[in-house]
Amino acid sequence: MNAMNQQILDAVDNIADRLIVVSRDIHAHPELNYAEHYAHDLLTGVLVEQGLEVTRHAYGVDTAFEAVVGDAGAPEVLVLLEYDALPGIGHGCGHNVIAAAGLGAGLVAASLAKELGGRVRILGTPAEEGGGGKIAMARQGAFASGIAAMMIHPADADLIKMDSIAVHTVDVTYEGRAAHAAAAPWEGRNALDAAVLGYMNVAALRQHIRPTERIHGIITEGGEKPNIVPRRAAAKWYVRSDTISTLQPLKARVVSCLEGATSACGCSMSTTWDDHTYADVCDNMAIVNSFVSNMATLGRLVRDPRTDGRSVMGSTDMGNVSYLMPSIHPMVKVAPDGVAIHTEEFAHYAGSESGDEGVLIGAKAMAMTVVDLWTNAELRSGAAAEFGSVTSDVDVLAR
């Protein structure tokens, strides 16, 4: 191990107790999308404690923040923190680990920026769990500069990436006509029937989509009383595909299925797509390889899910960032094999000693990777060249 890496490890160890307290504290105070006021104040408070200037409520998002260290014009690397939780199960996705690991990596990088001629931007990015916080920030210029962005995500294995797929959410409303269900049902037009038939149409579609695609929905409104023909029904659907480009035609097929039910039931239908689409993550393998090498120095073997048979599938607004600059989103093991994210069991491990270890491992590997980007011109050019091949035929921030 070279002297600089040892310096980084020592620096993380020096603040290890503080990072673990932060992780446990966020874990004990779970907050939902755009309501992460406790985590925002805690994280920005630690940054100020450590002598950094912090912009609170950054980029027009109340629970976002930013701290920048290093000269303008120096190679700028973004370290991203997430800290929102899930309804009911708290930190079942382990964002407390993400926040504390990013805090540690950012603080250590900040302490070395002047010495190494680099620049680090520590970004607090709220509302990943469906709220599109990074997309809202991007629309205000949060990712307009930088040579790379990175974060880690806890899982049940050390993996180079998550199998991240694009997703867009749509709210569907059916309008019919009310009538007495016993006295004059023929006068009614049943909106619930339309919602149910639409659901069945999509169920039939599922056998004719690609293995990388997913469609799932729920009926959120189904009428007022059984003896009234439902005049209104509503549903919410998630449409997912492996890339932002292939998502678009799948969305059109889903809408056709949902609309088909209106003819049978004599109802009308309206759709409201969420104002942000989560893109797939384009993992920059040049930077991933640097991270993997740094994890190896810490005694951790990071596997490739494409060849190892292990994978974590989901969607994240980090995908949108990866279309704006070279980005990585590796997974760090904090739970036993087979413990899935978004479960109560995973939430337990995220707040345990194994979660604490994930915080420190993630902070160390990311800090070393930041330094690699600052000091290795070949790595920077390789990452930039690879990113040049990332193309999409849609504006991932607007659709």
Protein backbone atom coordinates (compact mmCIF):
# COMPACT_ATOMS: atom_id res chain seq x y z
CA MET A 1 0.00 0.00 0.00
CA ASN A 2 1.40 3.40 -0.95
CA ALA A 3 1.89 6.22 1.54
CA MET A 4 -1.03 8.28 0.29
CA ASN A 5 -3.48 5.41 0.66
CA GLN A 6 -2.22 4.78 4.17
CA GLN A 7 -2.74 8.46 4.94
CA ILE A 8 -6.33 8.18 3.72
CA LEU A 9 -7.02 5.10 5.83
CA ASP A 10 -5.58 6.77 8.91
CA ALA A 11 -7.66 9.88 8.26
CA VAL A 12 -10.88 7.85 8.06
CA ASP A 13 -9.95 5.91 11.20
CA ASN A 14 -9.41 9.21 13.03
CA ILE A 15 -13.05 10.20 12.43
CA ALA A 16 -14.49 6.69 12.50
CA ASP A 17 -16.33 7.13 15.79
CA ARG A 18 -17.99 10.31 14.52
CA LEU A 19 -19.06 8.66 11.27
CA ILE A 20 -20.59 5.72 13.07
CA VAL A 21 -22.51 8.01 15.42
CA VAL A 22 -23.85 9.88 12.38
CA SER A 23 -24.93 6.65 10.68
CA ARG A 24 -26.66 5.34 13.81
CA ASP A 25 -28.32 8.71 14.46
CA ILE A 26 -29.78 8.94 10.94
CA HIS A 27 -30.88 5.31 11.22
CA ALA A 28 -32.72 6.12 14.45
CA HIS A 29 -34.50 9.10 12.86
CA PRO A 30 -35.90 7.86 9.51
CA GLU A 31 -37.37 10.59 7.32
CA LEU A 32 -39.22 10.36 4.01
CA ASN A 33 -38.75 12.15 0.68
CA TYR A 34 -37.99 15.85 1.00
CA ALA A 35 -38.64 15.76 4.76
CA GLU A 36 -35.10 14.83 5.83
CA HIS A 37 -34.64 17.88 8.06
CA TYR A 38 -32.96 16.00 10.91
CA ALA A 39 -30.43 14.34 8.60
CA HIS A 40 -29.83 17.62 6.74
CA ASP A 41 -29.07 19.49 9.95
CA LEU A 42 -26.95 16.68 11.38
CA LEU A 43 -24.77 16.26 8.28
CA THR A 44 -24.30 19.96 7.62
CA GLY A 45 -23.49 20.45 11.30
CA VAL A 46 -20.66 17.91 11.11
CA LEU A 47 -19.28 19.54 7.96
CA VAL A 48 -19.23 22.91 9.72
CA GLU A 49 -17.61 21.29 12.79
CA GLN A 50 -14.83 20.10 10.51
CA GLY A 51 -14.24 23.59 9.18
CA LEU A 52 -16.05 23.42 5.83
CA GLU A 53 -18.31 26.13 4.46
CA VAL A 54 -21.72 24.69 3.72
CA THR A 55 -24.59 25.82 1.54
CA ARG A 56 -27.77 24.59 3.19
CA HIS A 57 -31.02 24.14 1.25
CA ALA A 58 -28.97 24.01 -1.94
CA TYR A 59 -30.20 24.10 -5.54
CA GLY A 60 -33.74 24.99 -4.59
CA VAL A 61 -34.27 21.81 -2.55
CA ASP A 62 -34.92 22.42 1.12
CA THR A 63 -33.14 19.32 2.42
CA ALA A 64 -30.20 19.38 -0.01
CA PHE A 65 -26.77 20.82 0.78
CA GLU A 66 -23.34 21.38 -0.71
CA ALA A 67 -19.78 21.88 0.52
CA VAL A 68 -16.94 22.63 -1.89
CA VAL A 69 -13.21 22.47 -1.16
CA GLY A 70 -10.43 23.09 -3.69
CA ASP A 71 -9.49 25.60 -6.33
CA ALA A 72 -11.71 26.33 -9.30
CA GLY A 73 -10.26 24.70 -12.38
CA ALA A 74 -8.84 21.74 -10.46
CA PRO A 75 -10.22 18.26 -11.28
CA GLU A 76 -13.57 18.27 -9.48
CA VAL A 77 -15.07 15.07 -8.09
CA LEU A 78 -18.56 14.89 -6.59
CA VAL A 79 -19.26 12.68 -3.57
CA LEU A 80 -23.00 12.10 -3.14
CA LEU A 81 -24.88 11.44 0.09
CA GLU A 82 -28.39 9.99 0.38
CA TYR A 83 -30.33 9.96 3.65
CA ASP A 84 -34.06 9.45 3.04
CA ALA A 85 -35.88 6.41 4.40
CA LEU A 86 -38.80 4.18 3.43
CA PRO A 87 -42.33 4.32 4.84
CA GLY A 88 -42.94 1.71 7.49
CA ILE A 89 -39.51 0.06 7.49
CA GLY A 90 -37.24 3.06 7.98
CA HIS A 91 -33.75 2.61 6.58
CA GLY A 92 -34.52 -0.63 4.79
CA CYS A 93 -32.36 0.63 1.93
CA GLY A 94 -29.51 1.65 4.24
CA HIS A 95 -29.25 5.29 3.25
CA ASN A 96 -27.78 6.02 6.68
CA VAL A 97 -24.74 4.05 5.52
CA ILE A 98 -24.61 6.00 2.25
CA ALA A 99 -24.74 9.32 4.09
CA ALA A 100 -22.05 8.50 6.64
CA ALA A 101 -19.72 6.86 4.10
CA GLY A 102 -20.06 9.85 1.77
CA LEU A 103 -19.47 12.20 4.67
CA GLY A 104 -16.27 10.38 5.58
CA ALA A 105 -14.97 10.23 2.01
CA GLY A 106 -15.82 13.89 1.46
CA LEU A 107 -14.14 15.09 4.65
CA VAL A 108 -10.95 13.15 3.97
CA ALA A 109 -10.83 14.29 0.36
CA ALA A 110 -11.38 17.87 1.50
CA SER A 111 -8.38 17.60 3.84
CA LEU A 112 -6.18 16.56 0.89
CA ALA A 113 -7.56 18.78 -1.87
CA LYS A 114 -5.06 21.62 -1.54
CA GLU A 115 -2.08 19.30 -1.18
CA LEU A 116 -3.03 17.25 -4.25
CA GLY A 117 -4.43 20.01 -6.45
CA GLY A 118 -7.94 18.58 -6.51
CA ARG A 119 -11.45 19.83 -5.82
CA VAL A 120 -14.25 17.94 -4.08
CA ARG A 121 -17.93 18.76 -3.98
CA ILE A 122 -19.89 17.06 -1.20
CA LEU A 123 -23.55 16.98 -2.22
CA GLY A 124 -26.43 16.05 0.03
CA THR A 125 -29.05 14.60 -2.32
CA PRO A 126 -32.44 13.92 -0.70
CA ALA A 127 -35.50 12.04 -1.89
CA GLU A 128 -33.96 9.15 -3.80
CA GLU A 129 -36.80 6.82 -2.85
CA GLY A 130 -39.15 7.97 -5.60
CA GLY A 131 -38.82 11.71 -5.10
CA GLY A 132 -36.15 12.34 -7.72
CA GLY A 133 -34.04 14.64 -5.55
CA LYS A 134 -31.01 14.45 -7.82
CA ILE A 135 -33.18 15.27 -10.82
CA ALA A 136 -34.61 18.34 -9.09
CA MET A 137 -31.06 19.43 -8.20
CA ALA A 138 -29.78 18.75 -11.71
CA ARG A 139 -32.43 21.03 -13.15
CA GLN A 140 -30.91 23.79 -11.01
CA GLY A 141 -27.34 23.12 -12.18
CA ALA A 142 -26.04 20.83 -9.45
CA PHE A 143 -24.24 18.60 -11.95
CA ALA A 144 -23.15 21.23 -14.44
CA SER A 145 -19.48 20.79 -13.49
CA GLY A 146 -17.26 17.94 -12.42
CA ILE A 147 -15.20 15.13 -13.91
CA ALA A 148 -16.91 12.35 -11.94
CA ALA A 149 -19.60 11.56 -9.38
CA MET A 150 -19.69 8.67 -6.94
CA MET A 151 -21.59 7.07 -4.11
CA ILE A 152 -21.78 3.63 -2.52
CA HIS A 153 -24.91 1.67 -1.72
CA PRO A 154 -25.22 -1.03 0.95
CA ALA A 155 -26.29 -4.54 -0.02
CA ASP A 156 -25.73 -8.17 0.90
CA ALA A 157 -22.61 -8.40 -1.28
CA ASP A 158 -19.71 -6.32 -2.57
CA LEU A 159 -20.65 -5.70 -6.22
CA ILE A 160 -19.30 -3.38 -8.89
CA LYS A 161 -22.81 -2.17 -9.70
CA MET A 162 -26.52 -2.51 -9.12
CA ASP A 163 -28.66 -3.86 -11.95
CA SER A 164 -30.31 -0.48 -12.26
CA ILE A 165 -33.18 -0.04 -14.69
CA ALA A 166 -35.10 3.00 -15.81
CA VAL A 167 -38.52 3.68 -14.31
CA HIS A 168 -41.39 6.12 -14.81
CA THR A 169 -44.51 6.37 -12.66
CA VAL A 170 -47.99 7.15 -13.96
CA ASP A 171 -51.25 7.93 -12.17
CA VAL A 172 -54.32 6.76 -14.07
CA THR A 173 -57.86 8.00 -13.48
CA TYR A 174 -61.02 6.45 -14.93
CA GLU A 175 -64.26 8.43 -15.05
CA GLY A 176 -67.63 6.71 -15.42
CA ARG A 177 -71.16 7.47 -14.31
CA ALA A 178 -72.75 6.69 -10.96
CA ALA A 179 -76.03 4.82 -10.66
CA HIS A 180 -77.89 2.74 -8.10
CA ALA A 181 -76.27 -0.66 -8.38
CA ALA A 182 -79.54 -2.49 -7.62
CA ALA A 183 -82.31 -0.22 -8.88
CA ALA A 184 -80.83 0.96 -12.18
CA PRO A 185 -77.36 -0.47 -12.87
CA TRP A 186 -77.90 -0.03 -16.62
CA GLU A 187 -77.66 3.71 -16.14
CA GLY A 188 -74.16 3.47 -14.75
CA ARG A 189 -70.74 3.29 -16.35
CA ASN A 190 -68.44 1.39 -14.01
CA ALA A 191 -65.06 3.08 -13.61
CA LEU A 192 -63.81 0.32 -11.32
CA ASP A 193 -64.52 -2.25 -14.02
CA ALA A 194 -62.39 -0.18 -16.37
CA ALA A 195 -59.53 -0.09 -13.85
CA VAL A 196 -59.78 -3.85 -13.31
CA LEU A 197 -59.87 -4.60 -17.03
CA GLY A 198 -56.91 -2.27 -17.54
CA TYR A 199 -55.02 -4.22 -14.88
CA MET A 200 -55.87 -7.49 -16.61
CA ASN A 201 -54.73 -6.10 -19.96
CA VAL A 202 -51.36 -5.19 -18.48
CA ALA A 203 -51.15 -8.63 -16.87
CA ALA A 204 -51.57 -10.14 -20.34
CA LEU A 205 -48.90 -7.79 -21.70
CA ARG A 206 -46.36 -8.99 -19.14
CA GLN A 207 -45.80 -12.29 -20.96
CA HIS A 208 -44.75 -10.36 -24.06
CA ILE A 209 -42.15 -8.00 -22.61
CA ARG A 210 -38.42 -8.53 -22.36
CA PRO A 211 -36.88 -10.22 -19.27
CA THR A 212 -35.24 -6.91 -18.37
CA GLU A 213 -38.58 -5.08 -18.15
CA ARG A 214 -41.06 -4.78 -15.30
CA ILE A 215 -44.61 -3.41 -14.96
CA HIS A 216 -46.42 -3.28 -11.63
CA GLY A 217 -49.39 -1.34 -10.35
CA ILE A 218 -52.09 -1.01 -7.72
CA ILE A 219 -55.66 0.25 -7.73
CA THR A 220 -55.68 3.23 -5.38
CA GLU A 221 -59.36 4.19 -5.63
CA GLY A 222 -62.27 1.90 -6.40
CA GLY A 223 -65.57 3.58 -5.60
CA GLU A 224 -67.54 4.85 -2.63
CA LYS A 225 -70.07 2.14 -1.68
CA PRO A 226 -70.95 -1.26 -3.13
CA ASN A 227 -74.50 -0.15 -3.97
CA ILE A 228 -73.27 2.75 -6.11
CA VAL A 229 -71.82 2.02 -9.52
CA PRO A 230 -68.31 3.49 -9.17
CA ARG A 231 -68.13 6.79 -11.01
CA ARG A 232 -64.38 7.11 -10.51
CA ALA A 233 -61.44 4.76 -10.05
CA ALA A 234 -57.70 5.34 -9.96
CA ALA A 235 -54.50 3.33 -10.21
CA LYS A 236 -50.76 3.90 -9.95
CA TRP A 237 -48.32 2.10 -12.23
CA TYR A 238 -44.53 1.76 -12.37
CA VAL A 239 -43.11 1.03 -15.82
CA ARG A 240 -39.49 -0.16 -15.90
CA SER A 241 -37.05 -1.05 -18.66
CA ASP A 242 -33.33 -1.67 -18.80
CA THR A 243 -32.53 1.69 -20.44
CA ILE A 244 -34.11 5.11 -20.64
CA SER A 245 -34.46 4.67 -24.40
CA THR A 246 -36.24 1.31 -24.33
CA LEU A 247 -38.54 2.62 -21.60
CA GLN A 248 -40.35 4.97 -23.98
CA PRO A 249 -42.00 2.39 -26.28
CA LEU A 250 -42.91 0.22 -23.28
CA LYS A 251 -44.74 3.18 -21.72
CA ALA A 252 -46.80 3.53 -24.90
CA ARG A 253 -47.73 -0.16 -24.83
CA VAL A 254 -48.85 0.08 -21.20
CA VAL A 255 -51.04 3.11 -21.91
CA SER A 256 -52.65 1.27 -24.83
CA CYS A 257 -53.54 -1.60 -22.51
CA LEU A 258 -55.03 0.72 -19.92
CA GLU A 259 -56.98 2.70 -22.50
CA GLY A 260 -58.40 -0.43 -24.07
CA ALA A 261 -60.57 -0.98 -21.02
CA THR A 262 -62.43 2.28 -21.57
CA SER A 263 -64.14 1.06 -24.74
CA ALA A 264 -65.53 -1.99 -22.99
CA CYS A 265 -66.85 0.00 -20.02
CA GLY A 266 -67.95 3.25 -21.65
CA CYS A 267 -65.59 5.26 -19.45
CA SER A 268 -62.92 7.86 -20.07
CA MET A 269 -59.34 7.75 -18.86
CA SER A 270 -56.65 10.31 -18.11
CA THR A 271 -52.97 9.78 -17.27
CA THR A 272 -50.51 11.90 -15.34
CA TRP A 273 -46.89 10.88 -15.65
CA ASP A 274 -44.59 11.86 -12.81
CA ASP A 275 -42.44 14.87 -13.65
CA HIS A 276 -39.22 12.89 -13.58
CA THR A 277 -38.00 9.65 -15.10
CA TYR A 278 -35.34 7.60 -13.34
CA ALA A 279 -32.72 6.62 -15.92
CA ASP A 280 -30.63 3.48 -15.88
CA VAL A 281 -27.15 3.82 -14.35
CA CYS A 282 -24.32 3.95 -16.89
CA ASP A 283 -21.51 2.74 -14.63
CA ASN A 284 -18.17 4.15 -15.74
CA MET A 285 -15.93 1.10 -15.76
CA ALA A 286 -12.67 3.05 -15.73
CA ILE A 287 -13.63 4.53 -12.36
CA VAL A 288 -15.24 1.28 -11.21
CA ASN A 289 -11.93 -0.50 -11.78
CA SER A 290 -10.15 2.07 -9.62
CA PHE A 291 -12.73 1.54 -6.86
CA VAL A 292 -12.40 -2.26 -7.14
CA SER A 293 -8.62 -1.99 -6.83
CA ASN A 294 -8.96 0.21 -3.77
CA MET A 295 -11.42 -2.20 -2.18
CA ALA A 296 -8.90 -4.99 -2.78
CA THR A 297 -6.33 -3.11 -0.71
CA LEU A 298 -8.90 -3.20 2.09
CA GLY A 299 -9.26 -6.96 1.74
CA ARG A 300 -12.62 -6.84 -0.04
CA LEU A 301 -13.28 -8.67 -3.31
CA VAL A 302 -15.84 -6.79 -5.38
CA ARG A 303 -17.76 -9.07 -7.71
CA ASP A 304 -19.32 -8.47 -11.10
CA PRO A 305 -23.00 -9.49 -10.96
CA ARG A 306 -22.95 -10.31 -14.67
CA THR A 307 -20.53 -13.19 -14.08
CA ASP A 308 -20.99 -13.97 -10.40
CA GLY A 309 -24.71 -14.64 -10.44
CA ARG A 310 -25.32 -12.16 -7.61
CA SER A 311 -27.32 -9.05 -8.31
CA VAL A 312 -29.37 -6.29 -6.75
CA MET A 313 -32.08 -4.90 -9.03
CA GLY A 314 -33.79 -1.55 -8.64
CA SER A 315 -34.01 2.00 -9.89
CA THR A 316 -32.26 5.15 -8.71
CA ASP A 317 -31.96 8.79 -9.69
CA MET A 318 -28.19 8.25 -9.70
CA GLY A 319 -28.90 6.97 -13.19
CA ASN A 320 -29.75 10.49 -14.30
CA VAL A 321 -26.45 11.75 -12.91
CA SER A 322 -24.62 9.04 -14.88
CA TYR A 323 -25.95 10.56 -18.11
CA LEU A 324 -24.47 13.93 -17.09
CA MET A 325 -20.96 12.89 -16.02
CA PRO A 326 -18.89 9.74 -15.44
CA SER A 327 -20.41 8.02 -12.40
CA ILE A 328 -20.21 4.92 -10.24
CA HIS A 329 -22.73 3.30 -7.90
CA PRO A 330 -21.05 0.19 -6.40
CA MET A 331 -22.61 -1.97 -3.69
CA VAL A 332 -20.92 -2.59 -0.33
CA LYS A 333 -21.79 -5.62 1.78
CA VAL A 334 -23.41 -4.82 5.13
CA ALA A 335 -25.82 -7.78 5.49
CA PRO A 336 -25.59 -11.57 5.24
CA ASP A 337 -26.00 -13.23 1.86
CA GLY A 338 -29.59 -13.27 0.69
CA VAL A 339 -30.88 -10.40 2.84
CA ALA A 340 -32.62 -8.17 0.32
CA ILE A 341 -32.75 -4.39 0.48
CA HIS A 342 -36.11 -2.74 1.21
CA THR A 343 -36.85 -5.17 4.03
CA GLU A 344 -37.07 -4.85 7.81
CA GLU A 345 -34.25 -7.36 8.11
CA PHE A 346 -31.96 -5.23 5.97
CA ALA A 347 -32.88 -2.15 8.01
CA HIS A 348 -31.64 -4.00 11.08
CA TYR A 349 -28.25 -4.73 9.54
CA ALA A 350 -27.88 -1.18 8.21
CA GLY A 351 -27.99 0.02 11.81
CA SER A 352 -25.73 -2.71 13.19
CA GLU A 353 -21.99 -3.28 13.49
CA SER A 354 -21.92 -4.64 9.94
CA GLY A 355 -23.49 -1.37 8.80
CA ASP A 356 -20.79 0.50 10.70
CA GLU A 357 -18.13 -1.51 8.87
CA GLY A 358 -19.78 -0.66 5.55
CA VAL A 359 -19.59 3.04 6.44
CA LEU A 360 -15.83 2.90 7.06
CA ILE A 361 -15.03 0.62 4.12
CA GLY A 362 -17.10 2.78 1.78
CA ALA A 363 -15.53 6.00 3.04
CA LYS A 364 -12.00 4.65 2.59
CA ALA A 365 -12.53 3.16 -0.87
CA MET A 366 -14.28 6.28 -2.18
CA ALA A 367 -11.67 8.65 -0.74
CA MET A 368 -8.91 6.65 -2.41
CA THR A 369 -10.83 6.69 -5.68
CA VAL A 370 -11.25 10.47 -5.47
CA VAL A 371 -7.49 10.80 -5.05
CA ASP A 372 -6.89 8.45 -7.99
CA LEU A 373 -9.00 10.74 -10.17
CA TRP A 374 -7.10 13.79 -9.01
CA THR A 375 -3.64 12.33 -9.49
CA ASN A 376 -3.99 9.98 -12.46
CA ALA A 377 -4.44 11.82 -15.77
CA GLU A 378 -4.75 8.51 -17.62
CA LEU A 379 -7.69 7.51 -15.42
CA ARG A 380 -9.37 10.85 -16.03
CA SER A 381 -8.95 10.61 -19.78
CA GLY A 382 -10.14 7.00 -19.81
CA ALA A 383 -13.24 7.89 -17.80
CA ALA A 384 -13.97 10.83 -20.09
CA ALA A 385 -13.52 8.75 -23.24
CA GLU A 386 -15.84 6.05 -21.91
CA PHE A 387 -18.43 8.64 -20.94
CA GLY A 388 -18.29 10.00 -24.48
CA SER A 389 -19.96 6.81 -25.67
CA VAL A 390 -22.94 7.29 -23.31
CA THR A 391 -25.78 8.46 -25.50
CA SER A 392 -29.55 8.63 -25.17
CA ASP A 393 -32.23 9.76 -27.55
CA VAL A 394 -34.26 11.37 -24.74
CA ASP A 395 -33.68 14.18 -22.28
CA VAL A 396 -33.41 12.16 -19.07
CA LEU A 397 -34.05 15.20 -16.91
CA ALA A 398 -37.28 16.21 -18.58
CA ARG A 399 -39.08 12.91 -19.22
